[in-house]
């Protein structure tokens, strides 16, 4: 088989890249090791930045999102029993976020690609990359019991943290931070608890009150990342949630828990994000803790840069944008990493901290909630920073 761009991974990054290239008349083939049912049925939360919402709408795949998603103009921060609303819509001159799950975005993109006769091979295995330093890189894989080879002009590795693509970058530097806490997340059959998300810092640990649909909600509490979910009965989960978020005049509705799991938290960045004719995007290149709601949004930023570079190659023969892909993408990635780290460390209880460090943490929250400048900075980052296409000046230390 031959195509212009071989894409490994049918997550948000791979599917949106394929969609963007299609709109410019550029052929691609997407290879995915899971089935369609698996990628569309794996439940993932989603808070979409303004840029992501605009991108989905501008490329014709945002209709269901606009109909079923929830537009949020702000969030609420809670500490010391005080709850402060952050009016992001006002502080960012009209920007907001959309609560719309990642697996629903995937459904919309898969439908769009298949409607346009896009080529997606599900349930492939034994994927390997070859000749990436040549002008005809290849992807070998197994599908339906047979061995296949896909010859491309470019390969986009959108295959997640455990995929084979990143390992093909020989001079990569992998930057990582492991956090001493995890999230216990639940899906529960309850009415919407609050019009906007609540981020709570409590002596017992962090909590997040979110939403999914009018009938099913998504909530989280901070736990030991090595804890066993079997130790957490439904009653214990609701007790902890209520202890961390309820106030004298606000109570959390409870109900049957239909799903629960514990995930660890980390930050990860791979530099560079390219080698030869291979370019990586999304979780293959970076991981963020979920506190800042940046994972899917960073993937959408990556593929906008990559698709523009590929488009420039075919239209003009120039590779200026492709040569600078890592530089442009990483500039935004590191800013999102900083914000995600800041939100995470400001809101979570670290029991290794001294009373002094705990006092500093609460003081930081108090400053943020009482300073318009700090609230504006939080809001600008939360709704999403713009893509910066120009080179960042090098800082010499």
Protein backbone atom coordinates (compact mmCIF):
# COMPACT_ATOMS: atom_id res chain seq x y z
CA UNK A 1 0.00 0.00 0.00
CA UNK A 2 1.04 3.57 -0.59
CA UNK A 3 -0.21 6.86 0.82
CA UNK A 4 1.08 10.35 1.48
CA UNK A 5 0.86 10.28 5.28
CA UNK A 6 0.77 7.14 7.41
CA UNK A 7 -0.81 7.82 10.80
CA UNK A 8 -0.35 5.41 13.70
CA UNK A 9 -3.15 5.77 16.24
CA UNK A 10 -6.85 6.62 16.00
CA UNK A 11 -7.06 8.85 19.05
CA UNK A 12 -7.94 12.55 18.87
CA UNK A 13 -4.52 13.47 17.42
CA UNK A 14 -4.43 10.86 14.66
CA UNK A 15 -8.05 11.29 13.61
CA UNK A 16 -7.97 15.08 13.58
CA UNK A 17 -4.70 15.06 11.61
CA UNK A 18 -6.25 12.74 9.04
CA UNK A 19 -9.32 14.99 8.87
CA UNK A 20 -7.27 18.18 8.45
CA UNK A 21 -5.15 16.61 5.71
CA UNK A 22 -8.28 15.38 3.91
CA UNK A 23 -9.67 18.92 3.86
CA UNK A 24 -6.49 19.96 2.03
CA UNK A 25 -6.66 17.09 -0.45
CA UNK A 26 -3.83 15.11 1.16
CA UNK A 27 -4.24 11.33 1.47
CA UNK A 28 -3.64 9.45 4.71
CA UNK A 29 -4.11 5.99 6.20
CA UNK A 30 -4.80 5.54 9.93
CA UNK A 31 -3.67 2.39 11.74
CA UNK A 32 -5.19 1.55 15.15
CA UNK A 33 -4.45 -1.47 17.33
CA UNK A 34 -7.88 -1.42 19.02
CA UNK A 35 -11.30 -2.03 17.51
CA UNK A 36 -13.70 0.77 16.66
CA UNK A 37 -15.92 -0.27 19.56
CA UNK A 38 -12.97 -0.05 21.95
CA UNK A 39 -11.83 3.45 20.98
CA UNK A 40 -15.38 4.79 20.96
CA UNK A 41 -16.34 3.02 24.18
CA UNK A 42 -13.35 3.89 26.37
CA UNK A 43 -14.81 6.60 28.60
CA UNK A 44 -12.56 9.64 28.96
CA UNK A 45 -13.39 13.03 30.38
CA UNK A 46 -13.05 16.10 28.23
CA UNK A 47 -12.78 19.83 28.84
CA UNK A 48 -12.22 21.47 25.47
CA UNK A 49 -10.42 24.78 25.15
CA UNK A 50 -11.87 27.56 23.04
CA UNK A 51 -9.33 26.81 20.31
CA UNK A 52 -10.39 23.14 20.19
CA UNK A 53 -14.06 24.06 20.07
CA UNK A 54 -13.37 26.50 17.23
CA UNK A 55 -11.30 23.90 15.36
CA UNK A 56 -14.03 21.25 15.56
CA UNK A 57 -16.64 23.74 14.36
CA UNK A 58 -14.51 25.20 11.58
CA UNK A 59 -13.71 21.74 10.20
CA UNK A 60 -17.34 20.58 10.21
CA UNK A 61 -17.29 18.08 13.07
CA UNK A 62 -18.68 20.19 15.90
CA UNK A 63 -22.43 19.91 15.35
CA UNK A 64 -23.09 17.21 17.96
CA UNK A 65 -20.68 18.84 20.40
CA UNK A 66 -22.61 22.11 20.20
CA UNK A 67 -25.87 20.24 20.70
CA UNK A 68 -24.87 17.90 23.53
CA UNK A 69 -21.86 19.56 25.19
CA UNK A 70 -21.97 21.99 28.09
CA UNK A 71 -20.45 25.44 27.65
CA UNK A 72 -18.81 26.67 30.85
CA UNK A 73 -17.96 30.33 31.33
CA UNK A 74 -16.08 29.73 34.57
CA UNK A 75 -14.97 27.35 37.31
CA UNK A 76 -15.15 27.46 41.10
CA UNK A 77 -12.18 27.19 43.47
CA UNK A 78 -12.78 26.05 47.06
CA UNK A 79 -10.46 26.20 50.08
CA UNK A 80 -10.93 26.73 53.82
CA UNK A 81 -14.67 26.31 53.28
CA UNK A 82 -14.69 29.32 50.93
CA UNK A 83 -15.81 28.99 47.31
CA UNK A 84 -14.72 31.54 44.71
CA UNK A 85 -16.11 31.65 41.17
CA UNK A 86 -13.61 32.41 38.40
CA UNK A 87 -15.43 34.24 35.60
CA UNK A 88 -13.21 33.15 32.72
CA UNK A 89 -15.63 34.47 30.10
CA UNK A 90 -15.25 38.02 31.43
CA UNK A 91 -11.53 37.80 32.19
CA UNK A 92 -10.64 36.50 28.70
CA UNK A 93 -12.94 38.78 26.70
CA UNK A 94 -15.54 36.19 25.82
CA UNK A 95 -13.68 32.86 25.77
CA UNK A 96 -14.98 29.73 27.49
CA UNK A 97 -14.56 25.95 27.60
CA UNK A 98 -16.78 23.06 26.53
CA UNK A 99 -17.38 19.99 28.69
CA UNK A 100 -17.62 17.23 26.07
CA UNK A 101 -16.02 13.80 26.63
CA UNK A 102 -12.99 12.74 24.61
CA UNK A 103 -14.63 9.52 23.41
CA UNK A 104 -17.47 11.59 21.93
CA UNK A 105 -14.92 13.66 20.00
CA UNK A 106 -13.46 10.39 18.72
CA UNK A 107 -16.92 9.20 17.60
CA UNK A 108 -17.45 12.43 15.66
CA UNK A 109 -14.05 12.23 13.97
CA UNK A 110 -14.37 8.54 13.07
CA UNK A 111 -17.79 9.21 11.54
CA UNK A 112 -16.40 12.14 9.53
CA UNK A 113 -13.45 10.15 8.20
CA UNK A 114 -15.53 7.13 7.22
CA UNK A 115 -18.17 9.33 5.60
CA UNK A 116 -15.39 10.81 3.45
CA UNK A 117 -14.14 7.29 2.59
CA UNK A 118 -11.12 7.76 4.81
CA UNK A 119 -8.97 4.69 5.37
CA UNK A 120 -8.86 3.51 8.99
CA UNK A 121 -7.52 0.02 9.74
CA UNK A 122 -8.71 -1.13 13.17
CA UNK A 123 -7.32 -4.03 15.22
CA UNK A 124 -3.85 -4.00 13.66
CA UNK A 125 -0.88 -5.54 15.49
CA UNK A 126 2.92 -5.77 15.42
CA UNK A 127 3.34 -2.22 14.11
CA UNK A 128 6.94 -1.26 13.26
CA UNK A 129 8.53 1.73 11.56
CA UNK A 130 11.27 1.53 8.93
CA UNK A 131 13.41 3.83 6.78
CA UNK A 132 12.24 6.97 8.55
CA UNK A 133 15.39 8.83 7.51
CA UNK A 134 14.57 8.32 3.83
CA UNK A 135 11.94 9.95 1.64
CA UNK A 136 9.93 6.70 1.59
CA UNK A 137 9.41 5.62 5.20
CA UNK A 138 7.42 2.43 5.80
CA UNK A 139 5.05 1.05 8.39
CA UNK A 140 4.77 -2.71 8.69
CA UNK A 141 1.89 -4.29 10.55
CA UNK A 142 -0.44 -7.28 10.73
CA UNK A 143 -4.12 -7.04 9.85
CA UNK A 144 -6.74 -9.76 9.40
CA UNK A 145 -4.05 -12.41 9.75
CA UNK A 146 -1.82 -11.04 6.99
CA UNK A 147 1.37 -8.97 6.97
CA UNK A 148 1.11 -5.54 5.37
CA UNK A 149 3.50 -2.73 4.44
CA UNK A 150 2.45 0.91 4.07
CA UNK A 151 4.85 3.14 2.12
CA UNK A 152 4.45 6.84 2.93
CA UNK A 153 5.99 10.25 2.40
CA UNK A 154 5.62 10.99 6.13
CA UNK A 155 4.73 9.08 9.29
CA UNK A 156 2.74 10.66 12.13
CA UNK A 157 3.14 8.78 15.41
CA UNK A 158 -0.09 9.48 17.29
CA UNK A 159 0.09 6.15 19.10
CA UNK A 160 0.17 7.19 22.73
CA UNK A 161 2.81 6.83 25.42
CA UNK A 162 3.25 3.07 24.92
CA UNK A 163 3.32 3.08 21.10
CA UNK A 164 6.40 2.33 18.98
CA UNK A 165 6.85 5.76 17.36
CA UNK A 166 8.60 7.75 20.08
CA UNK A 167 11.20 5.02 20.54
CA UNK A 168 12.34 5.63 16.95
CA UNK A 169 13.69 9.11 17.82
CA UNK A 170 17.32 8.29 18.69
CA UNK A 171 18.40 11.59 20.22
CA UNK A 172 15.29 12.17 22.33
CA UNK A 173 15.31 13.53 25.88
CA UNK A 174 12.42 12.35 28.05
CA UNK A 175 11.48 14.79 30.82
CA UNK A 176 9.22 13.37 33.52
CA UNK A 177 7.75 14.19 36.92
CA UNK A 178 5.82 11.64 39.00
CA UNK A 179 3.32 13.09 41.48
CA UNK A 180 2.78 11.54 44.93
CA UNK A 181 -0.99 11.38 44.49
CA UNK A 182 -3.55 9.85 42.17
CA UNK A 183 -7.19 10.38 41.25
CA UNK A 184 -10.04 8.06 42.11
CA UNK A 185 -12.65 8.81 39.47
CA UNK A 186 -16.28 7.77 39.45
CA UNK A 187 -19.23 7.85 37.10
CA UNK A 188 -22.43 8.17 39.11
CA UNK A 189 -26.13 8.25 38.31
CA UNK A 190 -27.03 11.60 39.86
CA UNK A 191 -28.35 14.94 38.67
CA UNK A 192 -25.83 17.67 37.81
CA UNK A 193 -24.36 18.84 41.10
CA UNK A 194 -23.24 22.32 40.05
CA UNK A 195 -23.47 24.42 36.89
CA UNK A 196 -19.65 24.64 36.68
CA UNK A 197 -16.69 22.52 37.77
CA UNK A 198 -15.60 22.78 41.41
CA UNK A 199 -11.89 22.38 42.25
CA UNK A 200 -11.51 21.88 46.01
CA UNK A 201 -8.39 21.95 48.20
CA UNK A 202 -9.19 20.30 51.53
CA UNK A 203 -7.14 18.98 54.44
CA UNK A 204 -8.37 15.49 53.51
CA UNK A 205 -7.21 15.93 49.90
CA UNK A 206 -8.24 17.37 46.56
CA UNK A 207 -11.69 16.84 45.01
CA UNK A 208 -13.22 17.75 41.65
CA UNK A 209 -16.94 17.96 40.95
CA UNK A 210 -17.58 17.66 37.22
CA UNK A 211 -20.40 16.56 34.95
CA UNK A 212 -21.08 14.27 32.01
CA UNK A 213 -24.78 14.30 31.07
CA UNK A 214 -27.96 15.48 32.83
CA UNK A 215 -28.23 11.97 34.35
CA UNK A 216 -24.59 10.82 34.82
CA UNK A 217 -21.81 12.79 36.53
CA UNK A 218 -18.01 12.45 36.78
CA UNK A 219 -16.31 13.23 40.11
CA UNK A 220 -12.78 12.72 41.47
CA UNK A 221 -10.96 12.57 44.80
CA UNK A 222 -7.26 12.55 45.56
CA UNK A 223 -5.97 9.18 46.81
CA UNK A 224 -2.72 7.26 47.10
CA UNK A 225 -1.85 6.24 43.51
CA UNK A 226 -0.91 2.75 44.76
CA UNK A 227 -4.19 2.18 46.58
CA UNK A 228 -6.49 -0.66 45.54
CA UNK A 229 -9.90 0.34 44.22
CA UNK A 230 -11.29 -2.62 46.19
CA UNK A 231 -10.59 -0.61 49.35
CA UNK A 232 -13.07 2.04 48.24
CA UNK A 233 -16.70 1.14 48.78
CA UNK A 234 -19.35 3.41 47.32
CA UNK A 235 -20.19 4.67 50.82
CA UNK A 236 -16.56 5.53 51.53
CA UNK A 237 -16.25 7.42 48.22
CA UNK A 238 -19.38 9.51 48.84
CA UNK A 239 -18.29 10.21 52.43
CA UNK A 240 -14.94 11.54 51.23
CA UNK A 241 -16.43 13.58 48.39
CA UNK A 242 -18.97 15.22 50.68
CA UNK A 243 -16.40 15.94 53.37
CA UNK A 244 -14.18 17.72 50.87
CA UNK A 245 -16.69 19.79 48.90
CA UNK A 246 -19.90 20.37 50.86
CA UNK A 247 -20.54 23.72 52.52
CA UNK A 248 -23.18 24.89 54.98
CA UNK A 249 -25.48 25.93 52.14
CA UNK A 250 -24.49 23.43 49.39
CA UNK A 251 -24.88 19.65 49.44
CA UNK A 252 -23.62 17.07 46.94
CA UNK A 253 -26.28 14.72 45.52
CA UNK A 254 -25.27 11.07 45.60
CA UNK A 255 -26.48 7.96 43.81
CA UNK A 256 -25.41 4.64 42.29
CA UNK A 257 -21.75 4.53 41.18
CA UNK A 258 -21.54 2.75 37.83
CA UNK A 259 -17.76 2.99 37.29
CA UNK A 260 -14.72 3.70 39.46
CA UNK A 261 -10.95 3.50 38.99
CA UNK A 262 -7.68 4.94 40.28
CA UNK A 263 -5.10 6.57 37.99
CA UNK A 264 -1.61 7.84 38.81
CA UNK A 265 -0.52 11.34 37.80
CA UNK A 266 2.59 12.49 35.97
CA UNK A 267 4.00 15.09 33.63
CA UNK A 268 6.02 14.00 30.61
CA UNK A 269 7.61 15.76 27.61
CA UNK A 270 9.69 14.24 24.81
CA UNK A 271 12.18 16.48 23.01
CA UNK A 272 12.43 16.66 20.04
CA UNK A 273 9.13 15.45 18.56
CA UNK A 274 10.56 14.51 15.17
CA UNK A 275 13.30 12.56 13.41
CA UNK A 276 13.68 12.22 9.66
CA UNK A 277 10.21 11.78 8.18
CA UNK A 278 8.69 10.79 11.55
CA UNK A 279 6.68 13.27 13.64
CA UNK A 280 5.01 12.41 16.96
CA UNK A 281 1.96 14.12 18.45
CA UNK A 282 -0.43 13.87 21.38
CA UNK A 283 0.27 11.42 24.19
CA UNK A 284 3.17 9.93 22.24
CA UNK A 285 5.01 13.20 22.89
CA UNK A 286 3.61 14.52 26.16
CA UNK A 287 1.45 13.66 29.18
CA UNK A 288 -0.10 16.17 31.58
CA UNK A 289 -1.82 15.66 34.93
CA UNK A 290 -5.58 16.06 34.37
CA UNK A 291 -5.92 19.01 36.75
CA UNK A 292 -5.24 21.53 33.99
CA UNK A 293 -7.49 19.81 31.39
CA UNK A 294 -4.84 20.03 28.66
CA UNK A 295 -4.27 16.53 27.24
CA UNK A 296 -6.65 16.46 24.28
CA UNK A 297 -6.18 20.17 23.68
CA UNK A 298 -2.42 19.86 23.31
CA UNK A 299 -2.95 17.05 20.81
CA UNK A 300 -5.18 19.35 18.75
CA UNK A 301 -2.49 22.01 18.80
CA UNK A 302 0.19 19.55 17.69
CA UNK A 303 -1.72 18.37 14.64
CA UNK A 304 -2.60 21.87 13.53
CA UNK A 305 1.11 22.66 13.32
CA UNK A 306 1.93 19.32 11.70
CA UNK A 307 -0.87 19.51 9.13
CA UNK A 308 0.16 23.02 8.12
CA UNK A 309 3.76 21.85 7.66
CA UNK A 310 2.69 18.89 5.52
CA UNK A 311 0.40 21.14 3.50
CA UNK A 312 3.28 23.57 2.90
CA UNK A 313 5.46 20.67 1.70
CA UNK A 314 2.97 19.54 -0.94
CA UNK A 315 1.96 23.02 -2.06
CA UNK A 316 5.38 24.69 -2.23
CA UNK A 317 8.00 21.97 -1.80
CA UNK A 318 9.32 23.80 1.25
CA UNK A 319 9.86 22.14 4.64
CA UNK A 320 10.32 25.25 6.79
CA UNK A 321 7.31 24.49 9.00
CA UNK A 322 8.09 20.78 9.25
CA UNK A 323 11.67 21.54 10.23
CA UNK A 324 10.34 23.75 13.05
CA UNK A 325 7.51 21.44 14.11
CA UNK A 326 9.08 20.46 17.44
CA UNK A 327 10.08 24.01 18.27
CA UNK A 328 6.61 25.45 17.59
CA UNK A 329 4.69 22.65 19.30
CA UNK A 330 6.96 22.46 22.36
CA UNK A 331 6.63 26.14 23.05
CA UNK A 332 2.92 25.69 23.76
CA UNK A 333 3.39 22.27 25.37
CA UNK A 334 5.79 23.57 28.02
CA UNK A 335 3.44 26.44 28.89
CA UNK A 336 0.60 23.95 29.31
CA UNK A 337 2.88 21.74 31.42
CA UNK A 338 3.69 24.70 33.66
CA UNK A 339 0.01 25.51 34.13
CA UNK A 340 -0.95 21.87 34.77
CA UNK A 341 1.88 21.50 37.31
CA UNK A 342 0.85 24.75 39.00
CA UNK A 343 -2.84 23.79 39.25
CA UNK A 344 -1.92 20.32 40.49
CA UNK A 345 0.51 21.42 43.20
CA UNK A 346 -1.71 24.31 44.31
CA UNK A 347 -4.81 22.14 44.76
CA UNK A 348 -3.55 18.77 46.03
CA UNK A 349 -2.63 17.93 49.61
CA UNK A 350 0.98 16.73 49.89
CA UNK A 351 1.32 15.05 53.26
CA UNK A 352 5.12 15.25 53.11
CA UNK A 353 4.84 19.03 53.36
CA UNK A 354 5.58 20.90 56.56
CA UNK A 355 3.05 23.23 58.16
CA UNK A 356 4.97 26.09 56.56
CA UNK A 357 4.58 24.63 53.06
CA UNK A 358 0.89 23.98 53.71
CA UNK A 359 0.50 27.61 54.77
CA UNK A 360 2.19 28.77 51.56
CA UNK A 361 -0.16 26.59 49.49
CA UNK A 362 -3.31 28.04 51.07
CA UNK A 363 -1.85 31.54 50.76
CA UNK A 364 -1.30 30.92 47.04
CA UNK A 365 -4.97 29.99 46.62
CA UNK A 366 -6.03 33.01 48.65
CA UNK A 367 -3.89 35.29 46.47
CA UNK A 368 -5.26 33.81 43.25
CA UNK A 369 -8.84 34.21 44.41
CA UNK A 370 -8.39 37.83 45.48
CA UNK A 371 -6.20 39.18 42.66
CA UNK A 372 -7.74 40.09 39.31
CA UNK A 373 -4.32 39.74 37.68
CA UNK A 374 -3.90 36.20 39.05
CA UNK A 375 -7.46 35.25 38.10
CA UNK A 376 -6.85 36.57 34.59
CA UNK A 377 -3.67 34.50 34.27
CA UNK A 378 -5.48 31.37 35.45
CA UNK A 379 -8.36 32.04 33.05
CA UNK A 380 -6.11 32.68 30.03
CA UNK A 381 -4.34 29.38 30.59
CA UNK A 382 -7.50 27.41 31.35
CA UNK A 383 -9.41 28.48 28.22
CA UNK A 384 -6.22 27.88 26.22
CA UNK A 385 -3.23 29.86 25.06
CA UNK A 386 -2.97 30.55 21.32
CA UNK A 387 -0.61 28.72 19.02
CA UNK A 388 2.56 30.77 18.56
CA UNK A 389 3.93 30.24 15.08
CA UNK A 390 7.03 32.40 15.49
CA UNK A 391 10.23 31.10 17.07
CA UNK A 392 10.78 31.72 20.75
CA UNK A 393 13.98 33.60 21.51
CA UNK A 394 16.61 31.42 23.16
CA UNK A 395 17.21 32.24 26.81
CA UNK A 396 20.81 31.88 27.92
CA UNK A 397 21.42 31.02 31.55
